[in-house]
C-alpha atoms as a PDB file:
ATOM      1  CA  MET A   1     183.343 156.797 118.776  1.00  0.00           C
ATOM      2  CA  ASP A   2     185.824 155.236 120.934  1.00  0.00           C
ATOM      3  CA  LYS A   3     189.637 155.803 119.920  1.00  0.00           C
ATOM      4  CA  GLU A   4     189.810 151.814 120.365  1.00  0.00           C
ATOM      5  CA  ILE A   5     188.107 151.633 117.182  1.00  0.00           C
ATOM      6  CA  LEU A   6     189.690 153.287 115.536  1.00  0.00           C
ATOM      7  CA  PHE A   7     193.341 153.241 115.961  1.00  0.00           C
ATOM      8  CA  GLN A   8     193.559 149.406 116.680  1.00  0.00           C
ATOM      9  CA  ASN A   9     192.509 146.554 115.125  1.00  0.00           C
ATOM     10  CA  TRP A  10     193.678 147.147 111.330  1.00  0.00           C
ATOM     11  CA  ASN A  11     194.049 144.214 109.356  1.00  0.00           C
ATOM     12  CA  PHE A  12     194.468 143.682 105.367  1.00  0.00           C
ATOM     13  CA  MET A  13     190.762 144.009 104.507  1.00  0.00           C
ATOM     14  CA  ARG A  14     189.771 147.657 106.310  1.00  0.00           C
ATOM     15  CA  LEU A  15     193.238 149.179 104.342  1.00  0.00           C
ATOM     16  CA  LEU A  16     192.211 147.448 101.416  1.00  0.00           C
ATOM     17  CA  ARG A  17     188.611 149.158 102.376  1.00  0.00           C
ATOM     18  CA  LEU A  18     190.292 152.456 103.153  1.00  0.00           C
ATOM     19  CA  GLY A  19     192.824 153.169  99.885  1.00  0.00           C
ATOM     20  CA  LEU A  20     189.611 152.135  97.941  1.00  0.00           C
ATOM     21  CA  GLY A  21     187.990 154.579  99.449  1.00  0.00           C
ATOM     22  CA  ILE A  22     190.738 157.399  99.279  1.00  0.00           C
ATOM     23  CA  TYR A  23     191.171 156.353  95.571  1.00  0.00           C
ATOM     24  CA  ILE A  24     187.909 156.278  94.767  1.00  0.00           C
ATOM     25  CA  ALA A  25     187.352 159.734  95.934  1.00  0.00           C
ATOM     26  CA  VAL A  26     189.920 161.059  94.269  1.00  0.00           C
ATOM     27  CA  GLN A  27     188.828 160.163  91.052  1.00  0.00           C
ATOM     28  CA  ALA A  28     184.775 161.510  92.565  1.00  0.00           C
ATOM     29  CA  VAL A  29     186.980 164.452  92.610  1.00  0.00           C
ATOM     30  CA  GLU A  30     188.375 164.769  88.803  1.00  0.00           C
ATOM     31  CA  THR A  31     185.038 163.744  87.329  1.00  0.00           C
ATOM     32  CA  LEU A  32     182.618 165.245  89.332  1.00  0.00           C
ATOM     33  CA  SER A  33     180.488 162.045  90.289  1.00  0.00           C
ATOM     34  CA  LEU A  34     178.227 162.159  92.371  1.00  0.00           C
ATOM     35  CA  PHE A  35     177.875 158.548  92.399  1.00  0.00           C
ATOM     36  CA  SER A  36     181.241 157.821  92.739  1.00  0.00           C
ATOM     37  CA  GLY A  37     181.782 159.843  96.495  1.00  0.00           C
ATOM     38  CA  VAL A  38     179.181 158.447  97.615  1.00  0.00           C
ATOM     39  CA  VAL A  39     180.259 154.742  96.851  1.00  0.00           C
ATOM     40  CA  ALA A  40     183.440 156.187  98.301  1.00  0.00           C
ATOM     41  CA  ALA A  41     182.233 157.637 101.592  1.00  0.00           C
ATOM     42  CA  PHE A  42     180.842 153.458 101.958  1.00  0.00           C
ATOM     43  CA  PHE A  43     184.394 152.425 101.590  1.00  0.00           C
ATOM     44  CA  ILE A  44     185.742 154.960 103.808  1.00  0.00           C
ATOM     45  CA  PHE A  45     182.766 154.553 106.422  1.00  0.00           C
ATOM     46  CA  GLN A  46     183.085 151.410 106.598  1.00  0.00           C
ATOM     47  CA  ALA A  47     187.043 151.759 106.991  1.00  0.00           C
ATOM     48  CA  VAL A  48     186.673 153.934 109.687  1.00  0.00           C
ATOM     49  CA  THR A  49     184.222 151.778 112.064  1.00  0.00           C
ATOM     50  CA  ASN A  50     185.667 148.581 111.408  1.00  0.00           C
ATOM     51  CA  THR A  51     182.373 147.068 109.825  1.00  0.00           C
ATOM     52  CA  GLY A  52     181.466 144.828 106.199  1.00  0.00           C
ATOM     53  CA  CYS A  53     178.319 144.645 104.427  1.00  0.00           C
ATOM     54  CA  CYS A  54     176.418 143.029 107.090  1.00  0.00           C
ATOM     55  CA  GLY A  55     177.601 144.423 109.741  1.00  0.00           C
ATOM     56  CA  SER A  56     179.594 143.295 112.604  1.00  0.00           C
ATOM     57  CA  ASN A  57     179.547 139.321 112.270  1.00  0.00           C
ATOM     58  CA  GLY A  58     176.200 139.326 110.218  1.00  0.00           C
ATOM     59  CA  CYS A  59     178.557 137.227 107.196  1.00  0.00           C
ATOM     60  CA  VAL A  60     178.659 134.285 110.401  1.00  0.00           C
ATOM     61  CA  VAL A  61     177.173 131.209 109.677  1.00  0.00           C
ATOM     62  CA  PRO A  62     175.134 130.434 112.818  1.00  0.00           C
ATOM     63  CA  THR A  63     176.248 126.998 114.625  1.00  0.00           C
ATOM     64  CA  ILE A  64     173.447 125.004 114.929  1.00  0.00           C
ATOM     65  CA  LYS A  65     173.489 122.706 117.854  1.00  0.00           C
ATOM     66  CA  GLY A  66     172.021 119.467 117.620  1.00  0.00           C
ATOM     67  CA  ASN A  67     171.225 116.929 120.177  1.00  0.00           C
ATOM     68  CA  SER A  68     173.278 113.896 118.548  1.00  0.00           C
ATOM     69  CA  ASP A  69     172.721 111.389 122.090  1.00  0.00           C
ATOM     70  CA  LYS A  70     169.151 110.885 121.443  1.00  0.00           C
ATOM     71  CA  THR A  71     168.115 108.125 118.784  1.00  0.00           C
ATOM     72  CA  GLU A  72     165.094 109.265 116.962  1.00  0.00           C
ATOM     73  CA  GLU A  73     163.075 106.204 116.108  1.00  0.00           C
ATOM     74  CA  ILE A  74     161.913 106.310 111.847  1.00  0.00           C
ATOM     75  CA  LYS A  75     159.055 104.809 111.094  1.00  0.00           C
ATOM     76  CA  PHE A  76     158.339 103.504 107.818  1.00  0.00           C
ATOM     77  CA  GLU A  77     154.797 102.843 106.251  1.00  0.00           C
ATOM     78  CA  GLU A  78     153.922 100.250 103.587  1.00  0.00           C
ATOM     79  CA  ILE A  79     153.087 101.114 100.184  1.00  0.00           C
ATOM     80  CA  LYS A  80     151.329  98.494  97.922  1.00  0.00           C
END
């Protein structure tokens, strides 16, 4: 793993994931809960690798570039 990924771009969401992961990990050890341990590992992995649930830019809405210079003629049909 690259050192830049680990030590740069620490924002609020990344710190929040790390904090939640550590908190859930402590609770998992105290209660001996395997499911909580898996959830904690997931949050810590997201914080360390700086990814989210959708991956890198997975939740970004794609931009559709339309050709607004062209006007399309609409044909109407009369119904009686």
